């Protein structure tokens, strides 16, 4: 069985899905983390437990990092393939993988920065003071 080239892989639905996941996955995971944390705040306040808030942030950061790893791996393969086949499909795959890598880095930083608030701000604290 011959190895599949980057151009062929990026033309197949699974390859395209991974490239698009690299671009849209990190912001979607960030938005999902925000929504899940917002939903869990009342529970965390009543139970005086922030473990679930930490878990949501950790899972989101891990998933974004994993997407970033796959984007990096695809970018490296596409960069190597560009030397052999400088076609449009390889260039597209290389650009999308690089964009996914930058997107993953940006949103990993944002998730990490927002996760720090869970360490320093009590979940019962609101803008008007503590929730009673």
N, C-alpha and C. Protein backbone atom coordinates (compact mmCIF):
# COMPACT_ATOMS: atom_id res chain seq x y z
N UNK A 1 0.84 -1.17 0.00
CA UNK A 1 0.00 0.00 0.00
C UNK A 1 0.90 1.25 0.00
N UNK A 2 0.67 2.14 -0.93
CA UNK A 2 1.51 3.34 -1.04
C UNK A 2 1.04 4.40 -0.06
N UNK A 3 1.96 5.23 0.43
CA UNK A 3 1.57 6.29 1.35
C UNK A 3 0.72 7.35 0.64
N UNK A 4 -0.21 7.92 1.38
CA UNK A 4 -1.11 8.93 0.83
C UNK A 4 -0.42 10.28 0.93
N UNK A 5 -0.43 11.03 -0.17
CA UNK A 5 0.21 12.34 -0.18
C UNK A 5 -0.65 13.36 0.56
N UNK A 6 -0.04 14.49 0.90
CA UNK A 6 -0.76 15.56 1.59
C UNK A 6 -1.86 16.11 0.70
N UNK A 7 -1.61 16.23 -0.59
CA UNK A 7 -2.63 16.73 -1.51
C UNK A 7 -3.84 15.80 -1.56
N UNK A 8 -3.59 14.49 -1.60
CA UNK A 8 -4.70 13.53 -1.62
C UNK A 8 -5.45 13.54 -0.30
N UNK A 9 -4.70 13.57 0.81
CA UNK A 9 -5.33 13.54 2.12
C UNK A 9 -6.18 14.79 2.36
N UNK A 10 -5.68 15.96 1.94
CA UNK A 10 -6.43 17.19 2.18
C UNK A 10 -7.63 17.32 1.25
N UNK A 11 -7.70 16.48 0.22
CA UNK A 11 -8.86 16.49 -0.68
C UNK A 11 -9.95 15.56 -0.18
N UNK A 12 -9.60 14.60 0.65
CA UNK A 12 -10.58 13.65 1.17
C UNK A 12 -11.40 14.31 2.28
N UNK A 13 -12.64 13.88 2.49
CA UNK A 13 -13.48 14.51 3.52
C UNK A 13 -12.87 14.47 4.92
N UNK A 14 -12.23 13.37 5.30
CA UNK A 14 -11.64 13.30 6.64
C UNK A 14 -10.48 14.28 6.78
N UNK A 15 -9.67 14.42 5.75
CA UNK A 15 -8.56 15.37 5.80
C UNK A 15 -9.03 16.80 5.85
N UNK A 16 -10.05 17.11 5.06
CA UNK A 16 -10.62 18.46 5.09
C UNK A 16 -11.26 18.76 6.44
N UNK A 17 -11.92 17.76 7.01
CA UNK A 17 -12.54 17.94 8.32
C UNK A 17 -11.50 18.29 9.37
N UNK A 18 -10.35 17.61 9.34
CA UNK A 18 -9.29 17.91 10.30
C UNK A 18 -8.73 19.32 10.10
N UNK A 19 -8.60 19.73 8.85
CA UNK A 19 -8.11 21.09 8.60
C UNK A 19 -9.10 22.14 9.10
N UNK A 20 -10.38 21.92 8.83
CA UNK A 20 -11.39 22.87 9.31
C UNK A 20 -11.52 22.81 10.83
N UNK A 21 -11.34 21.64 11.41
CA UNK A 21 -11.38 21.52 12.87
C UNK A 21 -10.27 22.34 13.50
N UNK A 22 -9.12 22.38 12.87
CA UNK A 22 -8.02 23.20 13.37
C UNK A 22 -8.36 24.68 13.39
N UNK A 23 -9.18 25.11 12.44
CA UNK A 23 -9.54 26.53 12.36
C UNK A 23 -10.70 26.86 13.28
N UNK A 24 -11.75 26.06 13.24
CA UNK A 24 -12.96 26.39 14.00
C UNK A 24 -13.08 25.67 15.34
N UNK A 25 -12.26 24.66 15.59
CA UNK A 25 -12.34 23.93 16.85
C UNK A 25 -11.98 24.77 18.07
N UNK A 26 -10.82 25.45 18.07
CA UNK A 26 -10.44 26.22 19.25
C UNK A 26 -11.43 27.32 19.67
N UNK A 27 -11.95 28.15 18.75
CA UNK A 27 -12.92 29.14 19.21
C UNK A 27 -14.23 28.50 19.68
N UNK A 28 -14.60 27.39 19.08
CA UNK A 28 -15.81 26.69 19.51
C UNK A 28 -15.62 26.11 20.90
N UNK A 29 -14.47 25.53 21.16
CA UNK A 29 -14.19 25.00 22.50
C UNK A 29 -14.13 26.11 23.53
N UNK A 30 -13.56 27.25 23.16
CA UNK A 30 -13.52 28.40 24.08
C UNK A 30 -14.94 28.86 24.41
N UNK A 31 -15.78 29.00 23.39
CA UNK A 31 -17.17 29.42 23.63
C UNK A 31 -17.92 28.37 24.46
N UNK A 32 -17.66 27.10 24.20
CA UNK A 32 -18.29 26.04 24.99
C UNK A 32 -17.83 26.06 26.44
N UNK A 33 -16.56 26.38 26.66
CA UNK A 33 -16.05 26.49 28.02
C UNK A 33 -16.72 27.64 28.76
N UNK A 34 -16.90 28.75 28.07
CA UNK A 34 -17.58 29.90 28.68
C UNK A 34 -19.01 29.52 29.05
N UNK A 35 -19.73 28.89 28.11
CA UNK A 35 -21.12 28.52 28.35
C UNK A 35 -21.24 27.50 29.48
N UNK A 36 -20.37 26.49 29.48
CA UNK A 36 -20.43 25.47 30.53
C UNK A 36 -20.10 26.08 31.89
N UNK A 37 -19.12 26.95 31.94
CA UNK A 37 -18.77 27.60 33.21
C UNK A 37 -19.93 28.46 33.70
N UNK A 38 -20.56 29.17 32.79
CA UNK A 38 -21.71 30.01 33.16
C UNK A 38 -22.84 29.17 33.73
N UNK A 39 -23.07 28.03 33.14
CA UNK A 39 -24.13 27.14 33.62
C UNK A 39 -23.77 26.55 34.99
N UNK A 40 -22.49 26.27 35.22
CA UNK A 40 -22.06 25.62 36.46
C UNK A 40 -21.83 26.58 37.62
N UNK A 41 -21.82 27.88 37.39
CA UNK A 41 -21.57 28.85 38.46
C UNK A 41 -22.57 28.71 39.62
N UNK A 42 -23.88 28.63 39.39
CA UNK A 42 -24.79 28.49 40.53
C UNK A 42 -24.53 27.24 41.37
N UNK A 43 -24.23 26.13 40.70
CA UNK A 43 -23.91 24.90 41.43
C UNK A 43 -22.63 25.08 42.24
N UNK A 44 -21.62 25.66 41.62
CA UNK A 44 -20.34 25.87 42.32
C UNK A 44 -20.51 26.79 43.52
N UNK A 45 -21.39 27.76 43.40
CA UNK A 45 -21.63 28.68 44.51
C UNK A 45 -22.36 27.98 45.65
N UNK A 46 -23.43 27.24 45.31
CA UNK A 46 -24.19 26.54 46.36
C UNK A 46 -23.35 25.47 47.05
N UNK A 47 -22.59 24.72 46.28
CA UNK A 47 -21.82 23.60 46.83
C UNK A 47 -20.46 24.04 47.38
N UNK A 48 -20.10 25.30 47.17
CA UNK A 48 -18.79 25.80 47.59
C UNK A 48 -17.66 24.95 47.00
N UNK A 49 -17.86 24.48 45.77
CA UNK A 49 -16.88 23.65 45.07
C UNK A 49 -16.58 24.26 43.71
N UNK A 50 -15.33 24.38 43.38
CA UNK A 50 -14.94 24.90 42.08
C UNK A 50 -14.27 23.82 41.22
N UNK A 51 -14.33 22.59 41.67
CA UNK A 51 -13.69 21.50 40.93
C UNK A 51 -14.24 21.36 39.51
N UNK A 52 -15.56 21.48 39.38
CA UNK A 52 -16.15 21.35 38.05
C UNK A 52 -15.70 22.49 37.13
N UNK A 53 -15.56 23.68 37.68
CA UNK A 53 -15.09 24.80 36.87
C UNK A 53 -13.65 24.56 36.41
N UNK A 54 -12.85 24.00 37.29
CA UNK A 54 -11.47 23.65 36.92
C UNK A 54 -11.47 22.54 35.86
N UNK A 55 -12.35 21.56 36.02
CA UNK A 55 -12.41 20.45 35.08
C UNK A 55 -12.81 20.93 33.68
N UNK A 56 -13.78 21.83 33.61
CA UNK A 56 -14.22 22.35 32.32
C UNK A 56 -13.07 23.07 31.62
N UNK A 57 -12.36 23.90 32.36
CA UNK A 57 -11.23 24.63 31.77
C UNK A 57 -10.11 23.68 31.36
N UNK A 58 -9.83 22.68 32.19
CA UNK A 58 -8.76 21.73 31.87
C UNK A 58 -9.09 20.92 30.62
N UNK A 59 -10.33 20.47 30.50
CA UNK A 59 -10.73 19.70 29.32
C UNK A 59 -10.66 20.56 28.07
N UNK A 60 -11.12 21.81 28.16
CA UNK A 60 -11.06 22.71 27.01
C UNK A 60 -9.61 22.98 26.60
N UNK A 61 -8.75 23.22 27.58
CA UNK A 61 -7.34 23.48 27.27
C UNK A 61 -6.66 22.25 26.67
N UNK A 62 -6.97 21.09 27.19
CA UNK A 62 -6.41 19.86 26.65
C UNK A 62 -6.88 19.62 25.22
N UNK A 63 -8.17 19.84 24.96
CA UNK A 63 -8.70 19.64 23.61
C UNK A 63 -8.09 20.62 22.61
N UNK A 64 -7.97 21.88 23.01
CA UNK A 64 -7.36 22.88 22.13
C UNK A 64 -5.89 22.54 21.87
N UNK A 65 -5.21 22.07 22.89
CA UNK A 65 -3.80 21.68 22.72
C UNK A 65 -3.67 20.49 21.77
N UNK A 66 -4.58 19.55 21.88
CA UNK A 66 -4.58 18.39 20.99
C UNK A 66 -4.83 18.81 19.54
N UNK A 67 -5.78 19.71 19.34
CA UNK A 67 -6.04 20.23 18.00
C UNK A 67 -4.80 20.95 17.47
N UNK A 68 -4.16 21.72 18.34
CA UNK A 68 -2.94 22.41 17.95
C UNK A 68 -1.83 21.44 17.55
N UNK A 69 -1.72 20.34 18.27
CA UNK A 69 -0.72 19.33 17.93
C UNK A 69 -0.98 18.75 16.55
N UNK A 70 -2.24 18.41 16.25
CA UNK A 70 -2.57 17.86 14.93
C UNK A 70 -2.37 18.90 13.83
N UNK A 71 -2.66 20.16 14.12
CA UNK A 71 -2.42 21.23 13.14
C UNK A 71 -0.92 21.37 12.88
N UNK A 72 -0.12 21.32 13.93
CA UNK A 72 1.33 21.40 13.77
C UNK A 72 1.86 20.25 12.95
N UNK A 73 1.37 19.05 13.24
CA UNK A 73 1.81 17.86 12.51
C UNK A 73 1.44 17.96 11.03
N UNK A 74 0.23 18.41 10.74
CA UNK A 74 -0.20 18.57 9.36
C UNK A 74 0.61 19.66 8.66
N UNK A 75 0.90 20.74 9.37
CA UNK A 75 1.69 21.82 8.78
C UNK A 75 3.10 21.33 8.41
N UNK A 76 3.70 20.55 9.29
CA UNK A 76 5.04 20.01 9.00
C UNK A 76 5.01 19.08 7.79
N UNK A 77 4.00 18.23 7.70
CA UNK A 77 3.90 17.33 6.54
C UNK A 77 3.67 18.13 5.26
N UNK A 78 2.83 19.14 5.35
CA UNK A 78 2.55 19.96 4.17
C UNK A 78 3.77 20.78 3.76
N UNK A 79 4.53 21.24 4.73
CA UNK A 79 5.75 21.99 4.41
C UNK A 79 6.75 21.10 3.70
N UNK A 80 6.87 19.87 4.13
CA UNK A 80 7.78 18.93 3.47
C UNK A 80 7.27 18.57 2.09
N UNK A 81 5.96 18.44 1.94
CA UNK A 81 5.39 18.08 0.65
C UNK A 81 5.45 19.23 -0.34
N UNK A 82 5.52 20.47 0.15
CA UNK A 82 5.58 21.63 -0.75
C UNK A 82 6.84 21.59 -1.61
N UNK A 83 7.92 21.06 -1.05
CA UNK A 83 9.18 20.98 -1.81
C UNK A 83 9.05 20.04 -3.01
N UNK A 84 8.22 18.99 -2.85
CA UNK A 84 8.05 18.01 -3.91
C UNK A 84 6.91 18.37 -4.85
N UNK A 85 5.82 18.90 -4.30
CA UNK A 85 4.63 19.20 -5.09
C UNK A 85 4.09 20.57 -4.67
N UNK A 86 4.51 21.64 -5.33
CA UNK A 86 4.06 22.97 -4.92
C UNK A 86 2.66 23.32 -5.45
N UNK A 87 1.79 22.33 -5.53
CA UNK A 87 0.45 22.56 -6.07
C UNK A 87 -0.45 23.30 -5.09
N UNK A 88 -1.61 23.70 -5.60
CA UNK A 88 -2.56 24.50 -4.82
C UNK A 88 -3.13 23.72 -3.63
N UNK A 89 -3.35 22.43 -3.80
CA UNK A 89 -3.92 21.64 -2.70
C UNK A 89 -2.96 21.56 -1.52
N UNK A 90 -1.70 21.40 -1.81
CA UNK A 90 -0.71 21.34 -0.74
C UNK A 90 -0.57 22.70 -0.08
N UNK A 91 -0.58 23.76 -0.87
CA UNK A 91 -0.49 25.11 -0.31
C UNK A 91 -1.71 25.43 0.56
N UNK A 92 -2.89 24.99 0.12
CA UNK A 92 -4.10 25.19 0.91
C UNK A 92 -4.01 24.45 2.23
N UNK A 93 -3.58 23.20 2.18
CA UNK A 93 -3.44 22.42 3.41
C UNK A 93 -2.42 23.06 4.35
N UNK A 94 -1.34 23.56 3.79
CA UNK A 94 -0.30 24.19 4.61
C UNK A 94 -0.84 25.46 5.27
N UNK A 95 -1.55 26.28 4.51
CA UNK A 95 -2.11 27.51 5.06
C UNK A 95 -3.15 27.21 6.14
N UNK A 96 -4.05 26.27 5.86
CA UNK A 96 -5.10 25.95 6.84
C UNK A 96 -4.50 25.35 8.11
N UNK A 97 -3.48 24.54 7.97
CA UNK A 97 -2.83 23.95 9.14
C UNK A 97 -2.13 25.02 9.97
N UNK A 98 -1.46 25.96 9.30
CA UNK A 98 -0.80 27.04 10.01
C UNK A 98 -1.81 27.95 10.71
N UNK A 99 -2.91 28.22 10.04
CA UNK A 99 -3.97 29.02 10.65
C UNK A 99 -4.54 28.30 11.87
N UNK A 100 -4.74 26.99 11.75
CA UNK A 100 -5.22 26.20 12.88
C UNK A 100 -4.23 26.19 14.04
N UNK A 101 -2.94 26.17 13.72
CA UNK A 101 -1.91 26.21 14.75
C UNK A 101 -1.96 27.54 15.50
N UNK A 102 -2.05 28.63 14.77
CA UNK A 102 -2.15 29.95 15.41
C UNK A 102 -3.46 30.09 16.20
N UNK A 103 -4.55 29.58 15.64
CA UNK A 103 -5.83 29.63 16.34
C UNK A 103 -5.76 28.84 17.65
N UNK A 104 -5.13 27.69 17.61
CA UNK A 104 -4.99 26.88 18.82
C UNK A 104 -4.14 27.59 19.86
N UNK A 105 -3.05 28.20 19.43
CA UNK A 105 -2.20 28.94 20.37
C UNK A 105 -2.92 30.11 21.01
N UNK A 106 -3.63 30.87 20.20
CA UNK A 106 -4.37 32.02 20.71
C UNK A 106 -5.42 31.60 21.72
N UNK A 107 -6.24 30.62 21.36
CA UNK A 107 -7.33 30.23 22.26
C UNK A 107 -6.85 29.42 23.45
N UNK A 108 -5.72 28.74 23.35
CA UNK A 108 -5.14 28.10 24.53
C UNK A 108 -4.72 29.17 25.54
N UNK A 109 -4.13 30.25 25.03
CA UNK A 109 -3.76 31.37 25.90
C UNK A 109 -4.99 32.00 26.54
N UNK A 110 -6.05 32.20 25.77
CA UNK A 110 -7.28 32.82 26.29
C UNK A 110 -7.92 31.92 27.34
N UNK A 111 -8.01 30.62 27.08
CA UNK A 111 -8.59 29.69 28.04
C UNK A 111 -7.76 29.67 29.32
N UNK A 112 -6.46 29.66 29.18
CA UNK A 112 -5.58 29.66 30.36
C UNK A 112 -5.75 30.95 31.16
N UNK A 113 -5.84 32.08 30.48
CA UNK A 113 -6.01 33.36 31.17
C UNK A 113 -7.36 33.41 31.91
N UNK A 114 -8.40 32.89 31.27
CA UNK A 114 -9.71 32.88 31.93
C UNK A 114 -9.76 31.85 33.04
N UNK A 115 -9.01 30.80 32.92
CA UNK A 115 -8.96 29.78 33.97
C UNK A 115 -8.36 30.36 35.25
N UNK A 116 -7.44 31.28 35.11
CA UNK A 116 -6.84 31.91 36.29
C UNK A 116 -7.88 32.60 37.17
N UNK A 117 -8.94 33.10 36.57
CA UNK A 117 -9.97 33.76 37.39
C UNK A 117 -10.65 32.77 38.33
N UNK A 118 -10.72 31.51 37.95
CA UNK A 118 -11.33 30.50 38.83
C UNK A 118 -10.50 30.34 40.10
N UNK A 119 -9.19 30.54 39.99
CA UNK A 119 -8.32 30.42 41.16
C UNK A 119 -8.46 31.62 42.10
N UNK A 120 -8.73 32.80 41.55
CA UNK A 120 -8.67 34.02 42.35
C UNK A 120 -10.02 34.65 42.67
N UNK A 121 -11.08 34.32 41.94
CA UNK A 121 -12.38 34.94 42.16
C UNK A 121 -13.36 33.86 42.62
N UNK A 122 -14.02 34.11 43.74
CA UNK A 122 -14.99 33.16 44.27
C UNK A 122 -16.20 33.11 43.35
N UNK A 123 -16.79 31.92 43.11
CA UNK A 123 -17.91 31.82 42.18
C UNK A 123 -19.17 32.56 42.64
N UNK A 124 -19.29 32.84 43.94
CA UNK A 124 -20.46 33.53 44.44
C UNK A 124 -20.34 35.05 44.31
N UNK A 125 -19.20 35.55 43.95
CA UNK A 125 -18.98 36.98 43.86
C UNK A 125 -19.52 37.49 42.54
N UNK A 126 -20.35 38.55 42.61
CA UNK A 126 -20.88 39.19 41.42
C UNK A 126 -20.42 40.64 41.40
N UNK A 127 -20.80 41.36 40.38
CA UNK A 127 -20.40 42.77 40.26
C UNK A 127 -20.98 43.59 41.40
N UNK A 128 -22.15 43.24 41.88
CA UNK A 128 -22.79 43.99 42.96
C UNK A 128 -22.43 43.50 44.35
N UNK A 129 -21.59 42.50 44.44
CA UNK A 129 -21.20 41.93 45.73
C UNK A 129 -21.54 40.45 45.76
N UNK A 130 -21.38 39.82 46.93
CA UNK A 130 -21.66 38.38 47.02
C UNK A 130 -23.13 38.07 46.81
N UNK A 131 -23.40 36.92 46.22
CA UNK A 131 -24.76 36.46 46.01
C UNK A 131 -25.27 35.91 47.34
N UNK A 132 -26.46 36.30 47.70
CA UNK A 132 -27.02 35.82 48.99
C UNK A 132 -28.02 34.72 48.78
